[in-house]
């Protein structure tokens, strides 16, 4: 595995944060949607 450049870590951190911010609300909606429909 090639060493990660210094410019790479911040980008991956931002992408992980974006994925988390986009993924968590979707998961909450998926869990709450059936409850709201009931």
N, C-alpha and C. Protein backbone atom coordinates (compact mmCIF):
# COMPACT_ATOMS: atom_id res chain seq x y z
N UNK A 1 0.85 -1.20 0.00
CA UNK A 1 0.00 0.00 0.00
C UNK A 1 0.88 1.24 0.00
N UNK A 2 0.63 2.14 -0.92
CA UNK A 2 1.45 3.35 -1.01
C UNK A 2 1.12 4.27 0.16
N UNK A 3 2.14 5.01 0.65
CA UNK A 3 1.90 5.95 1.75
C UNK A 3 0.93 7.05 1.33
N UNK A 4 0.09 7.44 2.26
CA UNK A 4 -0.93 8.46 1.95
C UNK A 4 -0.28 9.84 1.97
N UNK A 5 -0.46 10.64 0.91
CA UNK A 5 0.09 12.01 0.88
C UNK A 5 -0.51 12.87 1.98
N UNK A 6 0.17 13.97 2.31
CA UNK A 6 -0.32 14.85 3.38
C UNK A 6 -1.65 15.50 3.00
N UNK A 7 -1.88 15.66 1.71
CA UNK A 7 -3.10 16.34 1.27
C UNK A 7 -4.30 15.39 1.29
N UNK A 8 -4.05 14.10 1.42
CA UNK A 8 -5.14 13.12 1.33
C UNK A 8 -5.98 13.02 2.59
N UNK A 9 -5.40 12.96 3.79
CA UNK A 9 -6.20 12.76 5.00
C UNK A 9 -7.35 13.75 5.17
N UNK A 10 -7.14 15.08 4.99
CA UNK A 10 -8.27 16.01 5.17
C UNK A 10 -9.41 15.69 4.22
N UNK A 11 -9.08 15.31 2.99
CA UNK A 11 -10.13 15.02 2.01
C UNK A 11 -10.92 13.80 2.46
N UNK A 12 -10.23 12.77 2.93
CA UNK A 12 -10.96 11.58 3.36
C UNK A 12 -11.79 11.87 4.60
N UNK A 13 -11.29 12.72 5.47
CA UNK A 13 -12.06 13.08 6.67
C UNK A 13 -13.33 13.81 6.27
N UNK A 14 -13.19 14.74 5.34
CA UNK A 14 -14.38 15.49 4.89
C UNK A 14 -15.38 14.56 4.22
N UNK A 15 -14.87 13.63 3.39
CA UNK A 15 -15.77 12.70 2.72
C UNK A 15 -16.48 11.81 3.73
N UNK A 16 -15.73 11.35 4.76
CA UNK A 16 -16.35 10.50 5.78
C UNK A 16 -17.42 11.27 6.53
N UNK A 17 -17.14 12.55 6.81
CA UNK A 17 -18.13 13.38 7.52
C UNK A 17 -19.37 13.58 6.65
N UNK A 18 -19.14 13.84 5.36
CA UNK A 18 -20.27 14.04 4.45
C UNK A 18 -21.10 12.76 4.35
N UNK A 19 -20.41 11.63 4.24
CA UNK A 19 -21.13 10.35 4.16
C UNK A 19 -21.93 10.12 5.43
N UNK A 20 -21.34 10.47 6.57
CA UNK A 20 -22.04 10.29 7.84
C UNK A 20 -23.26 11.20 7.91
N UNK A 21 -23.08 12.47 7.51
CA UNK A 21 -24.18 13.42 7.58
C UNK A 21 -25.29 13.03 6.61
N UNK A 22 -24.91 12.47 5.44
CA UNK A 22 -25.91 12.08 4.46
C UNK A 22 -26.53 10.73 4.82
N UNK A 23 -25.76 9.87 5.47
CA UNK A 23 -26.23 8.51 5.75
C UNK A 23 -27.12 8.44 6.98
N UNK A 24 -26.78 9.20 8.02
CA UNK A 24 -27.54 9.12 9.27
C UNK A 24 -28.98 9.58 9.07
N UNK A 25 -29.22 10.75 8.45
CA UNK A 25 -30.61 11.18 8.25
C UNK A 25 -31.39 10.17 7.42
N UNK A 26 -30.76 9.57 6.40
CA UNK A 26 -31.46 8.58 5.58
C UNK A 26 -31.85 7.39 6.43
N UNK A 27 -30.94 6.95 7.31
CA UNK A 27 -31.25 5.81 8.17
C UNK A 27 -32.39 6.16 9.12
N UNK A 28 -32.36 7.38 9.66
CA UNK A 28 -33.43 7.79 10.57
C UNK A 28 -34.76 7.84 9.84
N UNK A 29 -34.74 8.33 8.61
CA UNK A 29 -35.98 8.41 7.83
C UNK A 29 -36.49 7.01 7.54
N UNK A 30 -35.57 6.09 7.21
CA UNK A 30 -35.99 4.72 6.91
C UNK A 30 -36.62 4.07 8.13
N UNK A 31 -36.07 4.38 9.31
CA UNK A 31 -36.61 3.77 10.53
C UNK A 31 -37.91 4.46 10.96
N UNK A 32 -37.98 5.78 10.75
CA UNK A 32 -39.16 6.52 11.21
C UNK A 32 -40.30 6.43 10.21
N UNK A 33 -40.00 6.22 8.93
CA UNK A 33 -41.04 6.21 7.90
C UNK A 33 -42.11 5.16 8.18
N UNK A 34 -41.73 3.89 8.42
CA UNK A 34 -42.77 2.89 8.71
C UNK A 34 -43.56 3.23 9.96
N UNK A 35 -42.89 3.83 10.97
CA UNK A 35 -43.59 4.19 12.21
C UNK A 35 -44.61 5.28 11.93
N UNK A 36 -44.22 6.27 11.11
CA UNK A 36 -45.14 7.36 10.81
C UNK A 36 -46.31 6.85 9.97
N UNK A 37 -46.04 5.87 9.10
CA UNK A 37 -47.12 5.32 8.28
C UNK A 37 -48.10 4.52 9.11
N UNK A 38 -47.61 3.90 10.20
CA UNK A 38 -48.51 3.16 11.08
C UNK A 38 -49.41 4.15 11.84
